[in-house]
C-alpha atoms as a PDB file:
ATOM      1  CA  MET A   1     194.800 212.260 158.468  1.00  0.00           C
ATOM      2  CA  ALA A   2     193.883 208.580 159.823  1.00  0.00           C
ATOM      3  CA  LYS A   3     195.632 207.316 162.971  1.00  0.00           C
ATOM      4  CA  VAL A   4     198.565 205.607 162.173  1.00  0.00           C
ATOM      5  CA  GLU A   5     199.968 202.740 164.627  1.00  0.00           C
ATOM      6  CA  ASN A   6     201.788 200.695 162.243  1.00  0.00           C
ATOM      7  CA  PHE A   7     203.396 200.702 159.104  1.00  0.00           C
ATOM      8  CA  GLU A   8     200.744 198.834 157.169  1.00  0.00           C
ATOM      9  CA  ASP A   9     198.156 201.585 157.821  1.00  0.00           C
ATOM     10  CA  LEU A  10     200.566 204.077 155.793  1.00  0.00           C
ATOM     11  CA  GLU A  11     198.973 204.643 152.299  1.00  0.00           C
ATOM     12  CA  VAL A  12     202.126 204.532 151.038  1.00  0.00           C
ATOM     13  CA  TRP A  13     203.526 201.368 151.988  1.00  0.00           C
ATOM     14  CA  LYS A  14     200.404 199.676 150.747  1.00  0.00           C
ATOM     15  CA  LEU A  15     200.404 200.986 147.576  1.00  0.00           C
ATOM     16  CA  ALA A  16     204.127 200.016 147.486  1.00  0.00           C
ATOM     17  CA  ARG A  17     203.458 196.685 148.601  1.00  0.00           C
ATOM     18  CA  LYS A  18     201.298 196.245 145.631  1.00  0.00           C
ATOM     19  CA  LEU A  19     203.701 197.691 143.293  1.00  0.00           C
ATOM     20  CA  THR A  20     206.078 195.301 144.115  1.00  0.00           C
ATOM     21  CA  GLY A  21     203.625 192.430 143.342  1.00  0.00           C
ATOM     22  CA  LYS A  22     203.435 193.996 140.123  1.00  0.00           C
ATOM     23  CA  VAL A  23     207.057 194.399 139.485  1.00  0.00           C
ATOM     24  CA  TYR A  24     207.570 190.817 140.287  1.00  0.00           C
ATOM     25  CA  ALA A  25     204.437 189.861 137.941  1.00  0.00           C
ATOM     26  CA  LEU A  26     206.413 191.651 135.118  1.00  0.00           C
ATOM     27  CA  SER A  27     209.011 190.230 135.327  1.00  0.00           C
ATOM     28  CA  ARG A  28     208.328 186.550 135.363  1.00  0.00           C
ATOM     29  CA  SER A  29     207.450 186.134 131.801  1.00  0.00           C
ATOM     30  CA  GLY A  30     209.177 185.773 128.436  1.00  0.00           C
ATOM     31  CA  ALA A  31     212.837 187.822 127.743  1.00  0.00           C
ATOM     32  CA  PHE A  32     212.856 190.033 131.236  1.00  0.00           C
ATOM     33  CA  SER A  33     212.384 186.358 133.000  1.00  0.00           C
ATOM     34  CA  LYS A  34     215.988 185.090 131.513  1.00  0.00           C
ATOM     35  CA  ASP A  35     217.418 188.367 132.304  1.00  0.00           C
ATOM     36  CA  TYR A  36     218.624 187.466 135.614  1.00  0.00           C
ATOM     37  CA  GLY A  37     220.822 190.645 136.600  1.00  0.00           C
ATOM     38  CA  PHE A  38     218.005 192.678 135.523  1.00  0.00           C
ATOM     39  CA  ARG A  39     214.922 191.568 136.867  1.00  0.00           C
ATOM     40  CA  ASP A  40     216.713 190.722 139.942  1.00  0.00           C
ATOM     41  CA  GLN A  41     217.701 194.523 140.272  1.00  0.00           C
ATOM     42  CA  ILE A  42     213.789 195.693 139.652  1.00  0.00           C
ATOM     43  CA  CYS A  43     213.221 193.594 142.063  1.00  0.00           C
ATOM     44  CA  ARG A  44     215.293 194.266 144.678  1.00  0.00           C
ATOM     45  CA  ALA A  45     214.820 197.903 144.057  1.00  0.00           C
ATOM     46  CA  SER A  46     210.681 197.566 144.485  1.00  0.00           C
ATOM     47  CA  VAL A  47     211.595 195.812 147.929  1.00  0.00           C
ATOM     48  CA  SER A  48     213.560 198.046 148.761  1.00  0.00           C
ATOM     49  CA  ILE A  49     210.544 200.645 148.754  1.00  0.00           C
ATOM     50  CA  VAL A  50     208.430 198.359 150.982  1.00  0.00           C
ATOM     51  CA  SER A  51     210.643 197.747 153.573  1.00  0.00           C
ATOM     52  CA  ASN A  52     212.527 200.717 153.881  1.00  0.00           C
ATOM     53  CA  ILE A  53     209.437 202.757 154.847  1.00  0.00           C
ATOM     54  CA  ALA A  54     208.569 199.788 157.261  1.00  0.00           C
ATOM     55  CA  GLU A  55     211.977 200.234 158.679  1.00  0.00           C
ATOM     56  CA  GLY A  56     211.843 203.808 159.006  1.00  0.00           C
ATOM     57  CA  PHE A  57     208.199 203.970 160.690  1.00  0.00           C
ATOM     58  CA  GLU A  58     209.753 200.872 163.097  1.00  0.00           C
ATOM     59  CA  ARG A  59     212.399 203.245 163.842  1.00  0.00           C
ATOM     60  CA  ARG A  60     210.006 205.162 166.177  1.00  0.00           C
ATOM     61  CA  SER A  61     211.700 208.791 165.818  1.00  0.00           C
ATOM     62  CA  ASN A  62     211.022 211.282 162.648  1.00  0.00           C
ATOM     63  CA  HIS A  63     214.367 211.676 161.991  1.00  0.00           C
ATOM     64  CA  GLN A  64     214.817 208.226 161.183  1.00  0.00           C
ATOM     65  CA  PHE A  65     211.730 207.589 159.269  1.00  0.00           C
ATOM     66  CA  MET A  66     212.846 210.926 157.564  1.00  0.00           C
ATOM     67  CA  GLN A  67     215.905 209.170 156.411  1.00  0.00           C
ATOM     68  CA  PHE A  68     214.768 205.851 155.214  1.00  0.00           C
ATOM     69  CA  LEU A  69     211.377 207.447 153.695  1.00  0.00           C
ATOM     70  CA  ASP A  70     213.992 209.201 151.543  1.00  0.00           C
ATOM     71  CA  ILE A  71     215.999 206.163 150.834  1.00  0.00           C
ATOM     72  CA  ALA A  72     212.743 204.520 149.695  1.00  0.00           C
ATOM     73  CA  ASN A  73     212.283 207.492 147.325  1.00  0.00           C
ATOM     74  CA  GLY A  74     215.715 207.398 145.376  1.00  0.00           C
ATOM     75  CA  SER A  75     214.661 203.359 145.290  1.00  0.00           C
ATOM     76  CA  ALA A  76     211.158 204.821 143.709  1.00  0.00           C
ATOM     77  CA  GLY A  77     213.175 207.003 141.529  1.00  0.00           C
ATOM     78  CA  GLU A  78     215.716 203.557 140.341  1.00  0.00           C
ATOM     79  CA  VAL A  79     212.475 201.412 139.428  1.00  0.00           C
ATOM     80  CA  ARG A  80     210.670 204.176 137.520  1.00  0.00           C
ATOM     81  CA  ALA A  81     214.395 204.575 135.366  1.00  0.00           C
ATOM     82  CA  GLN A  82     214.450 200.515 134.877  1.00  0.00           C
ATOM     83  CA  LEU A  83     210.902 200.598 133.602  1.00  0.00           C
ATOM     84  CA  TYR A  84     211.980 202.320 131.094  1.00  0.00           C
ATOM     85  CA  ILE A  85     214.469 200.045 130.469  1.00  0.00           C
ATOM     86  CA  ALA A  86     212.441 197.108 130.470  1.00  0.00           C
ATOM     87  CA  LEU A  87     210.064 199.325 127.960  1.00  0.00           C
ATOM     88  CA  ASP A  88     212.553 199.686 125.881  1.00  0.00           C
ATOM     89  CA  LEU A  89     214.549 196.143 125.669  1.00  0.00           C
ATOM     90  CA  GLY A  90     210.679 195.152 124.763  1.00  0.00           C
ATOM     91  CA  TYR A  91     210.420 193.400 128.188  1.00  0.00           C
ATOM     92  CA  ILE A  92     206.542 195.295 129.184  1.00  0.00           C
ATOM     93  CA  THR A  93     204.218 196.433 126.923  1.00  0.00           C
ATOM     94  CA  GLN A  94     203.304 199.995 126.634  1.00  0.00           C
ATOM     95  CA  LYS A  95     200.030 199.908 128.987  1.00  0.00           C
ATOM     96  CA  GLU A  96     202.262 197.936 131.456  1.00  0.00           C
ATOM     97  CA  PHE A  97     204.644 200.731 131.671  1.00  0.00           C
ATOM     98  CA  GLN A  98     202.366 203.729 132.242  1.00  0.00           C
ATOM     99  CA  GLU A  99     200.353 201.700 135.052  1.00  0.00           C
ATOM    100  CA  ALA A 100     203.647 201.036 136.559  1.00  0.00           C
ATOM    101  CA  VAL A 101     205.011 204.268 136.111  1.00  0.00           C
ATOM    102  CA  LYS A 102     201.636 205.873 137.270  1.00  0.00           C
ATOM    103  CA  ASP A 103     201.912 203.831 140.550  1.00  0.00           C
ATOM    104  CA  ILE A 104     205.678 204.844 141.210  1.00  0.00           C
ATOM    105  CA  SER A 105     204.829 208.596 140.587  1.00  0.00           C
ATOM    106  CA  SER A 106     201.988 208.623 142.864  1.00  0.00           C
ATOM    107  CA  ILE A 107     204.655 206.611 145.563  1.00  0.00           C
ATOM    108  CA  GLY A 108     206.917 209.279 144.772  1.00  0.00           C
ATOM    109  CA  LYS A 109     204.568 212.201 145.537  1.00  0.00           C
ATOM    110  CA  MET A 110     203.085 210.129 148.759  1.00  0.00           C
ATOM    111  CA  LEU A 111     206.637 209.605 150.125  1.00  0.00           C
ATOM    112  CA  THR A 112     207.670 213.674 149.459  1.00  0.00           C
ATOM    113  CA  SER A 113     204.386 214.180 151.095  1.00  0.00           C
ATOM    114  CA  LEU A 114     204.922 212.469 153.747  1.00  0.00           C
ATOM    115  CA  ILE A 115     208.403 213.719 154.746  1.00  0.00           C
ATOM    116  CA  ARG A 116     207.326 217.184 154.250  1.00  0.00           C
ATOM    117  CA  HIS A 117     204.674 216.410 157.028  1.00  0.00           C
ATOM    118  CA  LEU A 118     207.014 214.903 159.264  1.00  0.00           C
ATOM    119  CA  ARG A 119     209.236 217.774 159.172  1.00  0.00           C
ATOM    120  CA  VAL A 120     206.547 219.787 161.374  1.00  0.00           C
ATOM    121  CA  SER A 121     205.349 216.713 163.147  1.00  0.00           C
ATOM    122  CA  PRO A 122     206.032 215.934 166.713  1.00  0.00           C
ATOM    123  CA  THR A 123     207.744 212.355 166.909  1.00  0.00           C
ATOM    124  CA  ILE A 124     206.130 209.466 166.057  1.00  0.00           C
ATOM    125  CA  PRO A 125     204.555 207.860 168.978  1.00  0.00           C
ATOM    126  CA  PRO A 126     205.902 204.246 170.590  1.00  0.00           C
ATOM    127  CA  PRO A 127     202.835 201.317 169.593  1.00  0.00           C
ATOM    128  CA  HIS A 128     200.787 200.310 172.323  1.00  0.00           C
ATOM    129  CA  HIS A 129     202.585 197.497 173.474  1.00  0.00           C
ATOM    130  CA  HIS A 130     205.461 198.920 174.852  1.00  0.00           C
ATOM    131  CA  PRO A 131     204.563 201.609 177.603  1.00  0.00           C
ATOM    132  CA  THR A 132     205.351 204.929 178.073  1.00  0.00           C
ATOM    133  CA  THR A 133     205.107 204.766 181.688  1.00  0.00           C
ATOM    134  CA  PRO A 134     207.064 202.782 184.347  1.00  0.00           C
ATOM    135  CA  PRO A 135     205.180 200.090 185.973  1.00  0.00           C
ATOM    136  CA  PRO A 136     203.536 200.528 189.140  1.00  0.00           C
ATOM    137  CA  ASN A 137     206.368 198.794 190.920  1.00  0.00           C
ATOM    138  CA  HIS A 138     208.902 200.003 189.360  1.00  0.00           C
ATOM    139  CA  GLN A 139     211.456 201.418 191.274  1.00  0.00           C
ATOM    140  CA  THR A 140     212.884 205.080 190.737  1.00  0.00           C
ATOM    141  CA  THR A 141     215.663 205.382 193.090  1.00  0.00           C
ATOM    142  CA  LYS A 142     219.010 203.401 193.496  1.00  0.00           C
ATOM    143  CA  PRO A 143     218.142 200.099 195.564  1.00  0.00           C
ATOM    144  CA  PRO A 144     220.863 200.631 198.760  1.00  0.00           C
ATOM    145  CA  ASN A 145     224.252 198.876 198.529  1.00  0.00           C
END
């Protein structure tokens, strides 16, 4: 596994970001663009995936990261269900549906795999800009009163 220092390094985040762009593009035209409630819901759910991956990573705790990945996975299921509705309503074509469902299914599998990996891994190391040791002149004892 490649070294991951930022959430932007995660392949699942990159794919979720692309999916969000696809969802927005699909919902911009035809009757889909005028179904404001449904359009907003599927867009919010897709944004939730990419956002929860990022937010969980930034918590720098495997436990919290797994919780946010679980939320992202739930949002992925929501988007997948809504893609079926978009297809049924004629908002998207069968081809568009199949491409989006393929991506969302991959995201779900990647999230599940990452959660399993984190269960047995050490805690995410702090980023380089947060030192893990005190600065050289750091006092370790209380100053006299």
